[in-house]
Amino acid sequence: MDRMQIVEVRDWSRSANNNPIALFKSSPEPKNPIILIGGVHGDEPEGVWLAEFTFEWLKRNTVKLPWILIPCLNPDGYAACTRGNGHGVDLNRNYPSRDWSPHFEKPRYNSGPSAGSEPEVQALVQLIQDCKPCLLIHFHSWQPCIVCTGEPGLLAGRALADSSGYELKNDIGYPTPGSLSGYGWYDNKIPVICVEEAEGCARENVWPHFKHGIEKIFSGALK
């Protein structure tokens, strides 16, 4: 099989502070792709690194599945090393899910003035509606684990858990109203995997943790 061509959309969308958000995708135009997202929380660089390493691997290898990759959804937070975007909103509490709530206990979980208020979330929601992905994978860092929401994503979740040695879980362990998991799976029946790398993990160790899992997912041979 010939290697897929890659399309770069350098200015796919703009952040709250009007910074460009880049997107890369396989070509021809992917149908029902896997969407991979890094940098949701700006103070979790491990998630951006994993997205970047995954992109480099996708460029070098022949894969059987269509994909879209966003290396850093939150360039404002990444530049400032803050969890939230330029408006101080936690993007993973701002999705227009049925369980979105304006109430939050700590400023770091600020869910925004309304569901889907943030431009970064609006752009991703539109992308999801347009391309109807088969799987959403977003990269984070905290206590290491793989959180899979939606049974159709379990084989991919298990591949990432086996690769990293991290626990496979069906929830993060506390309520996350307005999250991508809620919007993706409970509202739209798109399975969602949240990869939590160990906070503070050395950059050179991130890719080795997940390489074999990513390879297995994109081989199209999960069983």
N, C-alpha and C. Protein backbone atom coordinates (compact mmCIF):
# COMPACT_ATOMS: atom_id res chain seq x y z
N MET A 1 0.85 -1.20 0.00
CA MET A 1 0.00 0.00 0.00
C MET A 1 0.88 1.25 0.00
N ASP A 2 0.57 2.18 -0.87
CA ASP A 2 1.32 3.42 -0.92
C ASP A 2 1.10 4.23 0.35
N ARG A 3 2.12 4.97 0.72
CA ARG A 3 2.01 5.83 1.89
C ARG A 3 1.00 6.94 1.63
N MET A 4 0.17 7.21 2.63
CA MET A 4 -0.82 8.27 2.50
C MET A 4 -0.14 9.62 2.34
N GLN A 5 -0.74 10.48 1.54
CA GLN A 5 -0.31 11.87 1.49
C GLN A 5 -0.84 12.59 2.73
N ILE A 6 -0.15 13.65 3.11
CA ILE A 6 -0.53 14.41 4.30
C ILE A 6 -0.81 15.85 3.90
N VAL A 7 -1.91 16.37 4.39
CA VAL A 7 -2.30 17.75 4.15
C VAL A 7 -2.10 18.55 5.44
N GLU A 8 -1.44 19.66 5.34
CA GLU A 8 -1.26 20.56 6.49
C GLU A 8 -2.20 21.75 6.34
N VAL A 9 -2.95 22.02 7.39
CA VAL A 9 -3.78 23.22 7.45
C VAL A 9 -3.21 24.05 8.61
N ARG A 10 -2.27 24.91 8.27
CA ARG A 10 -1.50 25.60 9.32
C ARG A 10 -2.37 26.54 10.14
N ASP A 11 -3.39 27.12 9.53
CA ASP A 11 -4.27 28.07 10.22
C ASP A 11 -5.69 27.51 10.21
N TRP A 12 -5.83 26.26 10.65
CA TRP A 12 -7.13 25.59 10.66
C TRP A 12 -8.15 26.37 11.48
N SER A 13 -7.73 26.86 12.64
CA SER A 13 -8.62 27.66 13.49
C SER A 13 -7.77 28.64 14.29
N ARG A 14 -8.45 29.43 15.10
CA ARG A 14 -7.77 30.42 15.92
C ARG A 14 -8.20 30.27 17.37
N SER A 15 -7.26 30.55 18.26
CA SER A 15 -7.52 30.43 19.69
C SER A 15 -8.21 31.66 20.25
N ALA A 16 -8.51 31.63 21.53
CA ALA A 16 -9.13 32.78 22.19
C ALA A 16 -8.27 34.03 22.05
N ASN A 17 -6.95 33.86 22.04
CA ASN A 17 -6.03 34.99 21.86
C ASN A 17 -5.61 35.18 20.41
N ASN A 18 -6.34 34.55 19.50
CA ASN A 18 -6.12 34.69 18.06
C ASN A 18 -4.81 34.07 17.60
N ASN A 19 -4.32 33.07 18.31
CA ASN A 19 -3.16 32.32 17.85
C ASN A 19 -3.62 31.20 16.91
N PRO A 20 -2.83 30.90 15.87
CA PRO A 20 -3.23 29.86 14.93
C PRO A 20 -3.17 28.46 15.55
N ILE A 21 -4.10 27.62 15.14
CA ILE A 21 -4.12 26.22 15.55
C ILE A 21 -3.96 25.39 14.28
N ALA A 22 -2.91 24.57 14.24
CA ALA A 22 -2.62 23.78 13.05
C ALA A 22 -3.31 22.42 13.11
N LEU A 23 -3.60 21.89 11.95
CA LEU A 23 -4.22 20.57 11.81
C LEU A 23 -3.53 19.85 10.65
N PHE A 24 -3.33 18.55 10.82
CA PHE A 24 -2.77 17.71 9.78
C PHE A 24 -3.72 16.55 9.53
N LYS A 25 -3.80 16.11 8.29
CA LYS A 25 -4.72 15.01 8.00
C LYS A 25 -4.21 14.18 6.83
N SER A 26 -4.62 12.93 6.83
CA SER A 26 -4.29 12.06 5.71
C SER A 26 -5.11 12.46 4.50
N SER A 27 -4.59 12.14 3.35
CA SER A 27 -5.25 12.48 2.09
C SER A 27 -5.31 11.21 1.23
N PRO A 28 -6.40 10.98 0.50
CA PRO A 28 -7.53 11.89 0.23
C PRO A 28 -8.34 12.19 1.49
N GLU A 29 -9.30 13.09 1.35
CA GLU A 29 -10.08 13.58 2.49
C GLU A 29 -10.55 12.42 3.34
N PRO A 30 -10.13 12.37 4.61
CA PRO A 30 -10.46 11.21 5.44
C PRO A 30 -11.94 11.13 5.78
N LYS A 31 -12.48 9.92 5.68
CA LYS A 31 -13.86 9.66 6.08
C LYS A 31 -13.84 8.79 7.33
N ASN A 32 -14.62 9.18 8.31
CA ASN A 32 -14.67 8.46 9.60
C ASN A 32 -13.27 8.22 10.16
N PRO A 33 -12.48 9.28 10.28
CA PRO A 33 -11.09 9.10 10.70
C PRO A 33 -10.97 8.91 12.21
N ILE A 34 -9.77 8.56 12.62
CA ILE A 34 -9.38 8.72 14.02
C ILE A 34 -8.90 10.16 14.18
N ILE A 35 -9.42 10.87 15.16
CA ILE A 35 -8.93 12.22 15.46
C ILE A 35 -8.06 12.15 16.70
N LEU A 36 -6.85 12.67 16.61
CA LEU A 36 -5.90 12.70 17.72
C LEU A 36 -5.65 14.15 18.10
N ILE A 37 -5.66 14.44 19.41
CA ILE A 37 -5.61 15.83 19.88
C ILE A 37 -4.60 15.96 21.01
N GLY A 38 -3.66 16.85 20.85
CA GLY A 38 -2.72 17.17 21.92
C GLY A 38 -2.96 18.57 22.46
N GLY A 39 -2.37 18.87 23.60
CA GLY A 39 -2.38 20.23 24.11
C GLY A 39 -3.73 20.79 24.48
N VAL A 40 -4.62 19.95 24.97
CA VAL A 40 -5.92 20.44 25.45
C VAL A 40 -5.70 21.33 26.67
N HIS A 41 -4.85 20.87 27.55
CA HIS A 41 -4.47 21.65 28.73
C HIS A 41 -3.04 22.13 28.55
N GLY A 42 -2.86 23.43 28.60
CA GLY A 42 -1.57 24.01 28.27
C GLY A 42 -0.45 23.70 29.21
N ASP A 43 -0.77 23.27 30.42
CA ASP A 43 0.27 22.94 31.39
C ASP A 43 0.59 21.45 31.40
N GLU A 44 0.23 20.74 30.32
CA GLU A 44 0.51 19.31 30.19
C GLU A 44 1.31 19.08 28.91
N PRO A 45 2.59 19.48 28.91
CA PRO A 45 3.38 19.39 27.67
C PRO A 45 3.54 17.97 27.16
N GLU A 46 3.42 16.99 28.05
CA GLU A 46 3.57 15.60 27.62
C GLU A 46 2.54 15.24 26.54
N GLY A 47 1.34 15.84 26.63
CA GLY A 47 0.31 15.59 25.64
C GLY A 47 0.67 16.15 24.28
N VAL A 48 1.30 17.32 24.26
CA VAL A 48 1.76 17.90 22.99
C VAL A 48 2.89 17.05 22.42
N TRP A 49 3.82 16.63 23.26
CA TRP A 49 4.93 15.81 22.79
C TRP A 49 4.43 14.52 22.16
N LEU A 50 3.47 13.87 22.83
CA LEU A 50 2.96 12.61 22.29
C LEU A 50 2.27 12.82 20.95
N ALA A 51 1.53 13.91 20.82
CA ALA A 51 0.91 14.22 19.53
C ALA A 51 1.98 14.45 18.47
N GLU A 52 3.03 15.16 18.81
CA GLU A 52 4.11 15.44 17.85
C GLU A 52 4.83 14.16 17.45
N PHE A 53 5.14 13.31 18.43
CA PHE A 53 5.80 12.04 18.12
C PHE A 53 4.90 11.16 17.24
N THR A 54 3.61 11.16 17.54
CA THR A 54 2.67 10.36 16.74
C THR A 54 2.63 10.87 15.31
N PHE A 55 2.65 12.18 15.15
CA PHE A 55 2.64 12.76 13.81
C PHE A 55 3.91 12.37 13.04
N GLU A 56 5.05 12.43 13.69
CA GLU A 56 6.29 12.03 13.03
C GLU A 56 6.24 10.58 12.60
N TRP A 57 5.65 9.73 13.44
CA TRP A 57 5.53 8.32 13.08
C TRP A 57 4.58 8.14 11.90
N LEU A 58 3.47 8.86 11.90
CA LEU A 58 2.51 8.77 10.80
C LEU A 58 3.14 9.22 9.49
N LYS A 59 4.01 10.20 9.53
CA LYS A 59 4.67 10.68 8.31
C LYS A 59 5.61 9.64 7.72
N ARG A 60 6.19 8.82 8.58
CA ARG A 60 7.21 7.87 8.13
C ARG A 60 6.66 6.50 7.76
N ASN A 61 5.42 6.22 8.12
CA ASN A 61 4.91 4.87 8.00
C ASN A 61 3.63 4.79 7.17
N THR A 62 3.42 3.63 6.58
CA THR A 62 2.20 3.36 5.85
C THR A 62 1.15 2.87 6.84
N VAL A 63 0.02 3.53 6.88
CA VAL A 63 -1.05 3.14 7.80
C VAL A 63 -2.32 2.85 7.02
N LYS A 64 -3.19 2.06 7.62
CA LYS A 64 -4.39 1.60 6.93
C LYS A 64 -5.63 2.40 7.28
N LEU A 65 -5.52 3.29 8.24
CA LEU A 65 -6.70 4.02 8.70
C LEU A 65 -6.53 5.52 8.45
N PRO A 66 -7.59 6.21 8.07
CA PRO A 66 -7.53 7.67 7.90
C PRO A 66 -7.43 8.37 9.24
N TRP A 67 -6.83 9.53 9.26
CA TRP A 67 -6.62 10.22 10.53
C TRP A 67 -6.57 11.73 10.34
N ILE A 68 -6.84 12.41 11.46
CA ILE A 68 -6.66 13.86 11.59
C ILE A 68 -5.94 14.08 12.91
N LEU A 69 -4.93 14.95 12.90
CA LEU A 69 -4.15 15.18 14.12
C LEU A 69 -4.01 16.68 14.37
N ILE A 70 -4.31 17.08 15.59
CA ILE A 70 -4.14 18.46 16.05
C ILE A 70 -3.06 18.44 17.13
N PRO A 71 -1.86 18.92 16.84
CA PRO A 71 -0.78 18.82 17.83
C PRO A 71 -1.05 19.58 19.12
N CYS A 72 -1.66 20.77 19.00
CA CYS A 72 -1.90 21.59 20.20
C CYS A 72 -3.18 22.38 20.02
N LEU A 73 -4.24 21.93 20.68
CA LEU A 73 -5.53 22.60 20.58
C LEU A 73 -5.55 23.92 21.33
N ASN A 74 -4.68 24.05 22.32
CA ASN A 74 -4.70 25.21 23.22
C ASN A 74 -3.36 25.94 23.19
N PRO A 75 -3.04 26.63 22.09
CA PRO A 75 -1.75 27.31 22.03
C PRO A 75 -1.60 28.43 23.04
N ASP A 76 -2.72 29.05 23.44
CA ASP A 76 -2.64 30.12 24.46
C ASP A 76 -2.11 29.55 25.77
N GLY A 77 -2.75 28.48 26.23
CA GLY A 77 -2.34 27.86 27.49
C GLY A 77 -0.95 27.26 27.41
N TYR A 78 -0.61 26.70 26.26
CA TYR A 78 0.70 26.07 26.11
C TYR A 78 1.80 27.12 26.20
N ALA A 79 1.59 28.28 25.60
CA ALA A 79 2.58 29.35 25.65
C ALA A 79 2.73 29.90 27.07
N ALA A 80 1.63 29.94 27.80
CA ALA A 80 1.64 30.52 29.15
C ALA A 80 1.82 29.47 30.24
N CYS A 81 1.84 28.18 29.85
CA CYS A 81 1.92 27.06 30.79
C CYS A 81 0.77 27.11 31.79
N THR A 82 -0.44 27.32 31.28
CA THR A 82 -1.64 27.33 32.10
C THR A 82 -2.61 26.28 31.57
N ARG A 83 -3.44 25.77 32.43
CA ARG A 83 -4.40 24.75 32.04
C ARG A 83 -5.42 25.29 31.03
N GLY A 84 -5.93 26.47 31.30
CA GLY A 84 -6.99 27.04 30.49
C GLY A 84 -6.47 27.77 29.26
N ASN A 85 -7.40 28.21 28.44
CA ASN A 85 -7.05 28.96 27.23
C ASN A 85 -6.87 30.44 27.56
N GLY A 86 -6.85 31.29 26.56
CA GLY A 86 -6.65 32.72 26.79
C GLY A 86 -7.74 33.37 27.60
N HIS A 87 -8.91 32.74 27.68
CA HIS A 87 -10.01 33.24 28.52
C HIS A 87 -10.01 32.59 29.90
N GLY A 88 -9.02 31.76 30.17
CA GLY A 88 -8.98 31.07 31.45
C GLY A 88 -9.97 29.92 31.57
N VAL A 89 -10.43 29.40 30.44
CA VAL A 89 -11.43 28.33 30.44
C VAL A 89 -10.75 26.98 30.22
N ASP A 90 -11.16 26.00 30.99
CA ASP A 90 -10.72 24.63 30.82
C ASP A 90 -11.46 24.05 29.61
N LEU A 91 -10.76 23.84 28.52
CA LEU A 91 -11.42 23.39 27.30
C LEU A 91 -12.10 22.04 27.47
N ASN A 92 -11.59 21.21 28.38
CA ASN A 92 -12.21 19.90 28.58
C ASN A 92 -13.37 19.94 29.58
N ARG A 93 -13.88 21.13 29.84
CA ARG A 93 -15.14 21.29 30.58
C ARG A 93 -16.11 22.18 29.79
N ASN A 94 -15.75 22.51 28.56
CA ASN A 94 -16.53 23.49 27.79
C ASN A 94 -17.31 22.90 26.63
N TYR A 95 -17.20 21.59 26.41
CA TYR A 95 -17.93 20.99 25.29
C TYR A 95 -19.44 21.08 25.51
N PRO A 96 -20.20 21.23 24.44
CA PRO A 96 -21.65 21.39 24.57
C PRO A 96 -22.35 20.05 24.79
N SER A 97 -21.92 19.36 25.82
CA SER A 97 -22.53 18.08 26.18
C SER A 97 -23.77 18.32 27.03
N ARG A 98 -24.59 17.29 27.13
CA ARG A 98 -25.81 17.41 27.92
C ARG A 98 -25.53 17.66 29.40
N ASP A 99 -24.33 17.24 29.85
CA ASP A 99 -24.03 17.41 31.27
C ASP A 99 -23.20 18.66 31.56
N TRP A 100 -22.98 19.54 30.54
CA TRP A 100 -22.22 20.76 30.81
C TRP A 100 -22.85 21.54 31.96
N SER A 101 -22.02 22.14 32.78
CA SER A 101 -22.50 22.90 33.93
C SER A 101 -21.71 24.19 34.07
N PRO A 102 -22.37 25.29 34.45
CA PRO A 102 -21.64 26.53 34.68
C PRO A 102 -20.94 26.54 36.04
N HIS A 103 -21.20 25.53 36.84
CA HIS A 103 -20.65 25.50 38.20
C HIS A 103 -19.34 24.71 38.23
N PHE A 104 -18.36 25.24 38.92
CA PHE A 104 -17.08 24.55 39.07
C PHE A 104 -16.50 24.91 40.42
N GLU A 105 -15.75 23.95 40.99
CA GLU A 105 -15.24 24.12 42.35
C GLU A 105 -13.94 24.93 42.40
N LYS A 106 -13.11 24.79 41.38
CA LYS A 106 -11.81 25.45 41.37
C LYS A 106 -11.64 26.22 40.06
N PRO A 107 -10.93 27.34 40.08
CA PRO A 107 -10.73 28.12 38.85
C PRO A 107 -10.12 27.30 37.72
N ARG A 108 -9.30 26.30 38.03
CA ARG A 108 -8.67 25.51 36.99
C ARG A 108 -9.69 24.70 36.18
N TYR A 109 -10.89 24.53 36.74
CA TYR A 109 -11.93 23.79 36.03
C TYR A 109 -13.01 24.72 35.48
N ASN A 110 -12.68 25.97 35.29
CA ASN A 110 -13.63 26.95 34.76
C ASN A 110 -14.24 26.43 33.46
N SER A 111 -15.55 26.25 33.45
CA SER A 111 -16.24 25.64 32.30
C SER A 111 -16.70 26.66 31.26
N GLY A 112 -16.43 27.95 31.51
CA GLY A 112 -16.79 28.98 30.54
C GLY A 112 -18.16 29.57 30.78
N PRO A 113 -18.48 30.67 30.11
CA PRO A 113 -19.75 31.35 30.33
C PRO A 113 -20.95 30.59 29.77
N SER A 114 -20.70 29.70 28.82
CA SER A 114 -21.78 28.88 28.26
C SER A 114 -21.15 27.66 27.61
N ALA A 115 -21.94 26.64 27.37
CA ALA A 115 -21.44 25.43 26.73
C ALA A 115 -20.95 25.74 25.32
N GLY A 116 -19.74 25.31 25.01
CA GLY A 116 -19.19 25.54 23.69
C GLY A 116 -18.88 26.98 23.39
N SER A 117 -18.57 27.76 24.42
CA SER A 117 -18.32 29.20 24.23
C SER A 117 -16.96 29.47 23.60
N GLU A 118 -16.01 28.54 23.72
CA GLU A 118 -14.62 28.83 23.35
C GLU A 118 -14.34 28.46 21.89
N PRO A 119 -13.56 29.30 21.20
CA PRO A 119 -13.33 29.06 19.76
C PRO A 119 -12.64 27.73 19.48
N GLU A 120 -11.76 27.31 20.38
CA GLU A 120 -11.07 26.04 20.18
C GLU A 120 -12.06 24.87 20.19
N VAL A 121 -12.98 24.92 21.14
CA VAL A 121 -14.00 23.87 21.26
C VAL A 121 -14.97 23.94 20.08
N GLN A 122 -15.36 25.14 19.71
CA GLN A 122 -16.26 25.31 18.56
C GLN A 122 -15.67 24.69 17.30
N ALA A 123 -14.38 24.91 17.09
CA ALA A 123 -13.72 24.38 15.89
C ALA A 123 -13.68 22.86 15.92
N LEU A 124 -13.37 22.29 17.08
CA LEU A 124 -13.30 20.84 17.17
C LEU A 124 -14.68 20.20 17.04
N VAL A 125 -15.67 20.81 17.64
CA VAL A 125 -17.04 20.30 17.52
C VAL A 125 -17.49 20.31 16.06
N GLN A 126 -17.18 21.39 15.34
CA GLN A 126 -17.54 21.44 13.92
C GLN A 126 -16.81 20.36 13.13
N LEU A 127 -15.54 20.15 13.45
CA LEU A 127 -14.78 19.11 12.78
C LEU A 127 -15.40 17.74 13.01
N ILE A 128 -15.79 17.48 14.26
CA ILE A 128 -16.42 16.20 14.59
C ILE A 128 -17.72 16.02 13.82
N GLN A 129 -18.51 17.06 13.76
CA GLN A 129 -19.77 16.97 13.03
C GLN A 129 -19.55 16.76 11.54
N ASP A 130 -18.51 17.38 10.99
CA ASP A 130 -18.27 17.30 9.56
C ASP A 130 -17.71 15.94 9.13
N CYS A 131 -16.76 15.39 9.90
CA CYS A 131 -16.05 14.19 9.43
C CYS A 131 -16.50 12.90 10.11
N LYS A 132 -17.31 13.01 11.17
CA LYS A 132 -17.87 11.83 11.84
C LYS A 132 -16.79 10.79 12.15
N PRO A 133 -15.90 11.12 13.06
CA PRO A 133 -14.78 10.22 13.37
C PRO A 133 -15.25 8.90 13.98
N CYS A 134 -14.42 7.88 13.79
CA CYS A 134 -14.71 6.58 14.41
C CYS A 134 -14.15 6.50 15.83
N LEU A 135 -13.21 7.38 16.16
CA LEU A 135 -12.56 7.36 17.46
C LEU A 135 -11.91 8.71 17.72
N LEU A 136 -12.00 9.17 18.96
CA LEU A 136 -11.33 10.39 19.41
C LEU A 136 -10.29 9.99 20.45
N ILE A 137 -9.05 10.44 20.28
CA ILE A 137 -8.00 10.18 21.26
C ILE A 137 -7.37 11.52 21.63
N HIS A 138 -7.43 11.86 22.93
CA HIS A 138 -6.77 13.10 23.35
C HIS A 138 -5.70 12.79 24.39
N PHE A 139 -4.59 13.53 24.29
CA PHE A 139 -3.38 13.26 25.05
C PHE A 139 -3.22 14.26 26.19
N HIS A 140 -3.05 13.74 27.40
CA HIS A 140 -2.92 14.56 28.61
C HIS A 140 -1.77 14.05 29.46
N SER A 141 -1.59 14.63 30.62
CA SER A 141 -0.67 14.09 31.62
C SER A 141 -1.21 14.39 33.01
N TRP A 142 -1.08 13.40 33.88
CA TRP A 142 -1.53 13.50 35.28
C TRP A 142 -1.02 12.26 35.97
N GLN A 143 -1.92 11.49 36.56
CA GLN A 143 -1.58 10.17 37.07
C GLN A 143 -1.73 9.18 35.91
N PRO A 144 -0.70 8.44 35.58
CA PRO A 144 -0.71 7.66 34.35
C PRO A 144 -1.83 6.62 34.30
N CYS A 145 -2.61 6.66 33.22
CA CYS A 145 -3.68 5.71 32.98
C CYS A 145 -4.22 5.94 31.57
N ILE A 146 -5.04 5.01 31.13
CA ILE A 146 -5.75 5.12 29.86
C ILE A 146 -7.23 5.05 30.19
N VAL A 147 -7.97 6.09 29.85
CA VAL A 147 -9.41 6.14 30.15
C VAL A 147 -10.17 5.96 28.85
N CYS A 148 -10.95 4.91 28.77
CA CYS A 148 -11.72 4.63 27.56
C CYS A 148 -13.20 4.77 27.86
N THR A 149 -13.87 5.63 27.13
CA THR A 149 -15.29 5.86 27.28
C THR A 149 -15.99 5.39 26.01
N GLY A 150 -16.76 4.32 26.13
CA GLY A 150 -17.45 3.75 24.98
C GLY A 150 -16.84 2.42 24.59
N GLU A 151 -17.64 1.37 24.64
CA GLU A 151 -17.14 0.02 24.37
C GLU A 151 -16.43 -0.14 23.03
N PRO A 152 -16.86 0.54 21.94
CA PRO A 152 -16.16 0.36 20.67
C PRO A 152 -14.69 0.79 20.70
N GLY A 153 -14.29 1.55 21.70
CA GLY A 153 -12.90 1.99 21.79
C GLY A 153 -12.02 1.11 22.65
N LEU A 154 -12.59 0.02 23.21
CA LEU A 154 -11.85 -0.77 24.19
C LEU A 154 -10.61 -1.44 23.61
N LEU A 155 -10.68 -1.94 22.38
CA LEU A 155 -9.51 -2.60 21.81
C LEU A 155 -8.35 -1.62 21.63
N ALA A 156 -8.67 -0.41 21.17
CA ALA A 156 -7.64 0.61 21.04
C ALA A 156 -7.12 1.03 22.42
N GLY A 157 -8.02 1.16 23.38
CA GLY A 157 -7.61 1.49 24.73
C GLY A 157 -6.70 0.43 25.33
N ARG A 158 -7.05 -0.84 25.09
CA ARG A 158 -6.22 -1.94 25.60
C ARG A 158 -4.85 -1.93 24.95
N ALA A 159 -4.78 -1.62 23.65
CA ALA A 159 -3.49 -1.56 22.96
C ALA A 159 -2.59 -0.50 23.60
N LEU A 160 -3.15 0.65 23.93
CA LEU A 160 -2.36 1.71 24.55
C LEU A 160 -1.99 1.36 25.99
N ALA A 161 -2.89 0.68 26.70
CA ALA A 161 -2.59 0.26 28.06
C ALA A 161 -1.49 -0.81 28.08
N ASP A 162 -1.59 -1.79 27.18
CA ASP A 162 -0.57 -2.83 27.12
C ASP A 162 0.78 -2.25 26.73
N SER A 163 0.79 -1.28 25.82
CA SER A 163 2.03 -0.66 25.37
C SER A 163 2.72 0.10 26.50
N SER A 164 1.95 0.84 27.26
CA SER A 164 2.51 1.72 28.30
C SER A 164 2.65 1.05 29.66
N GLY A 165 1.88 -0.02 29.88
CA GLY A 165 1.82 -0.62 31.20
C GLY A 165 0.92 0.13 32.15
N TYR A 166 0.16 1.11 31.63
CA TYR A 166 -0.73 1.90 32.47
C TYR A 166 -2.10 1.24 32.57
N GLU A 167 -2.79 1.53 33.66
CA GLU A 167 -4.10 0.93 33.90
C GLU A 167 -5.12 1.43 32.88
N LEU A 168 -5.96 0.51 32.41
CA LEU A 168 -7.09 0.86 31.55
C LEU A 168 -8.32 1.04 32.43
N LYS A 169 -8.96 2.22 32.35
CA LYS A 169 -10.09 2.55 33.20
C LYS A 169 -11.25 3.03 32.35
N ASN A 170 -12.46 2.98 32.93
CA ASN A 170 -13.63 3.49 32.19
C ASN A 170 -14.03 4.88 32.62
N ASP A 171 -13.36 5.45 33.62
CA ASP A 171 -13.54 6.86 33.95
C ASP A 171 -12.32 7.34 34.72
N ILE A 172 -12.19 8.67 34.81
CA ILE A 172 -11.02 9.27 35.42
C ILE A 172 -11.08 9.24 36.95
N GLY A 173 -12.28 8.99 37.49
CA GLY A 173 -12.42 8.86 38.93
C GLY A 173 -13.10 10.03 39.61
N TYR A 174 -13.50 11.03 38.84
CA TYR A 174 -14.24 12.16 39.39
C TYR A 174 -15.08 12.77 38.28
N PRO A 175 -16.13 13.53 38.62
CA PRO A 175 -17.02 14.07 37.57
C PRO A 175 -16.29 15.04 36.65
N THR A 176 -16.60 14.95 35.36
CA THR A 176 -16.00 15.85 34.37
C THR A 176 -17.09 16.38 33.43
N PRO A 177 -18.03 17.17 33.96
CA PRO A 177 -19.09 17.70 33.09
C PRO A 177 -18.51 18.59 31.99
N GLY A 178 -19.09 18.48 30.80
CA GLY A 178 -18.60 19.28 29.67
C GLY A 178 -17.32 18.77 29.05
N SER A 179 -16.99 17.50 29.29
CA SER A 179 -15.75 16.94 28.77
C SER A 179 -15.93 16.38 27.36
N LEU A 180 -14.82 16.12 26.69
CA LEU A 180 -14.88 15.50 25.38
C LEU A 180 -15.48 14.11 25.46
N SER A 181 -15.20 13.41 26.54
CA SER A 181 -15.77 12.07 26.71
C SER A 181 -17.29 12.12 26.75
N GLY A 182 -17.82 13.09 27.50
CA GLY A 182 -19.26 13.22 27.58
C GLY A 182 -19.87 13.61 26.24
N TYR A 183 -19.27 14.58 25.58
CA TYR A 183 -19.80 15.02 24.30
C TYR A 183 -19.63 13.93 23.24
N GLY A 184 -18.46 13.32 23.22
CA GLY A 184 -18.18 12.34 22.19
C GLY A 184 -19.02 11.08 22.33
N TRP A 185 -18.94 10.44 23.48
CA TRP A 185 -19.60 9.14 23.63
C TRP A 185 -21.07 9.25 24.05
N TYR A 186 -21.33 9.92 25.14
CA TYR A 186 -22.69 9.92 25.67
C TYR A 186 -23.67 10.70 24.80
N ASP A 187 -23.17 11.71 24.10
CA ASP A 187 -24.07 12.51 23.24
C ASP A 187 -24.05 12.05 21.79
N ASN A 188 -22.91 11.54 21.32
CA ASN A 188 -22.78 11.25 19.89
C ASN A 188 -22.33 9.83 19.56
N LYS A 189 -22.13 9.00 20.57
CA LYS A 189 -21.75 7.60 20.38
C LYS A 189 -20.45 7.44 19.61
N ILE A 190 -19.53 8.38 19.82
CA ILE A 190 -18.18 8.27 19.30
C ILE A 190 -17.27 7.90 20.48
N PRO A 191 -16.62 6.75 20.46
CA PRO A 191 -15.77 6.39 21.59
C PRO A 191 -14.61 7.37 21.76
N VAL A 192 -14.23 7.57 23.00
CA VAL A 192 -13.19 8.55 23.33
C VAL A 192 -12.15 7.88 24.23
N ILE A 193 -10.90 8.06 23.90
CA ILE A 193 -9.80 7.59 24.74
C ILE A 193 -9.02 8.80 25.24
N CYS A 194 -8.87 8.87 26.53
CA CYS A 194 -8.03 9.90 27.17
C CYS A 194 -6.75 9.24 27.65
N VAL A 195 -5.65 9.62 27.05
CA VAL A 195 -4.34 9.10 27.44
C VAL A 195 -3.75 10.03 28.48
N GLU A 196 -3.49 9.50 29.66
CA GLU A 196 -2.85 10.27 30.73
C GLU A 196 -1.43 9.75 30.92
N GLU A 197 -0.47 10.48 30.34
CA GLU A 197 0.93 10.17 30.59
C GLU A 197 1.27 10.63 32.01
N ALA A 198 2.35 10.09 32.56
CA ALA A 198 2.78 10.50 33.89
C ALA A 198 3.21 11.96 33.86
N GLU A 199 2.63 12.76 34.75
CA GLU A 199 3.02 14.16 34.84
C GLU A 199 4.51 14.27 35.16
N GLY A 200 5.22 15.06 34.39
CA GLY A 200 6.65 15.23 34.61
C GLY A 200 7.51 14.20 33.91
N CYS A 201 6.89 13.36 33.09
CA CYS A 201 7.64 12.35 32.34
C CYS A 201 8.65 13.03 31.41
N ALA A 202 9.84 12.49 31.34
CA ALA A 202 10.86 13.05 30.44
C ALA A 202 10.40 12.91 28.99
N ARG A 203 10.68 13.92 28.20
CA ARG A 203 10.24 13.92 26.80
C ARG A 203 10.68 12.66 26.05
N GLU A 204 11.91 12.22 26.29
CA GLU A 204 12.44 11.07 25.54
C GLU A 204 11.77 9.75 25.91
N ASN A 205 11.02 9.74 27.01
CA ASN A 205 10.35 8.52 27.43
C ASN A 205 8.90 8.43 26.97
N VAL A 206 8.34 9.52 26.46
CA VAL A 206 6.92 9.54 26.13
C VAL A 206 6.60 8.61 24.97
N TRP A 207 7.31 8.76 23.86
CA TRP A 207 7.00 7.94 22.69
C TRP A 207 7.21 6.45 22.93
N PRO A 208 8.30 6.03 23.58
CA PRO A 208 8.45 4.60 23.84
C PRO A 208 7.29 3.99 24.62
N HIS A 209 6.64 4.76 25.47
CA HIS A 209 5.49 4.24 26.22
C HIS A 209 4.33 3.86 25.31
N PHE A 210 4.15 4.60 24.22
CA PHE A 210 2.92 4.44 23.43
C PHE A 210 3.16 3.97 21.99
N LYS A 211 4.41 3.83 21.59
CA LYS A 211 4.73 3.48 20.21
C LYS A 211 4.00 2.22 19.76
N HIS A 212 4.11 1.16 20.51
CA HIS A 212 3.52 -0.11 20.07
C HIS A 212 1.99 -0.04 20.04
N GLY A 213 1.41 0.71 20.95
CA GLY A 213 -0.04 0.87 20.94
C GLY A 213 -0.52 1.65 19.72
N ILE A 214 0.18 2.74 19.40
CA ILE A 214 -0.17 3.51 18.21
C ILE A 214 -0.02 2.66 16.96
N GLU A 215 1.08 1.92 16.88
CA GLU A 215 1.29 1.04 15.73
C GLU A 215 0.15 0.03 15.58
N LYS A 216 -0.27 -0.54 16.68
CA LYS A 216 -1.32 -1.55 16.62
C LYS A 216 -2.65 -0.94 16.19
N ILE A 217 -2.96 0.22 16.71
CA ILE A 217 -4.21 0.89 16.33
C ILE A 217 -4.23 1.17 14.84
N PHE A 218 -3.14 1.70 14.31
CA PHE A 218 -3.14 2.10 12.90
C PHE A 218 -2.84 0.95 11.94
N SER A 219 -2.55 -0.21 12.49
CA SER A 219 -2.40 -1.39 11.63
C SER A 219 -3.76 -1.86 11.10
N GLY A 220 -4.83 -1.43 11.76
CA GLY A 220 -6.17 -1.86 11.38
C GLY A 220 -6.45 -3.30 11.73
N ALA A 221 -5.67 -3.86 12.65
CA ALA A 221 -5.79 -5.28 12.97
C ALA A 221 -6.07 -5.51 14.45
N LEU A 222 -6.77 -4.61 15.07
CA LEU A 222 -7.10 -4.81 16.48
C LEU A 222 -8.07 -5.96 16.63
N LYS A 223 -7.75 -6.87 17.56
CA LYS A 223 -8.62 -8.03 17.83
C LYS A 223 -8.65 -8.29 19.32
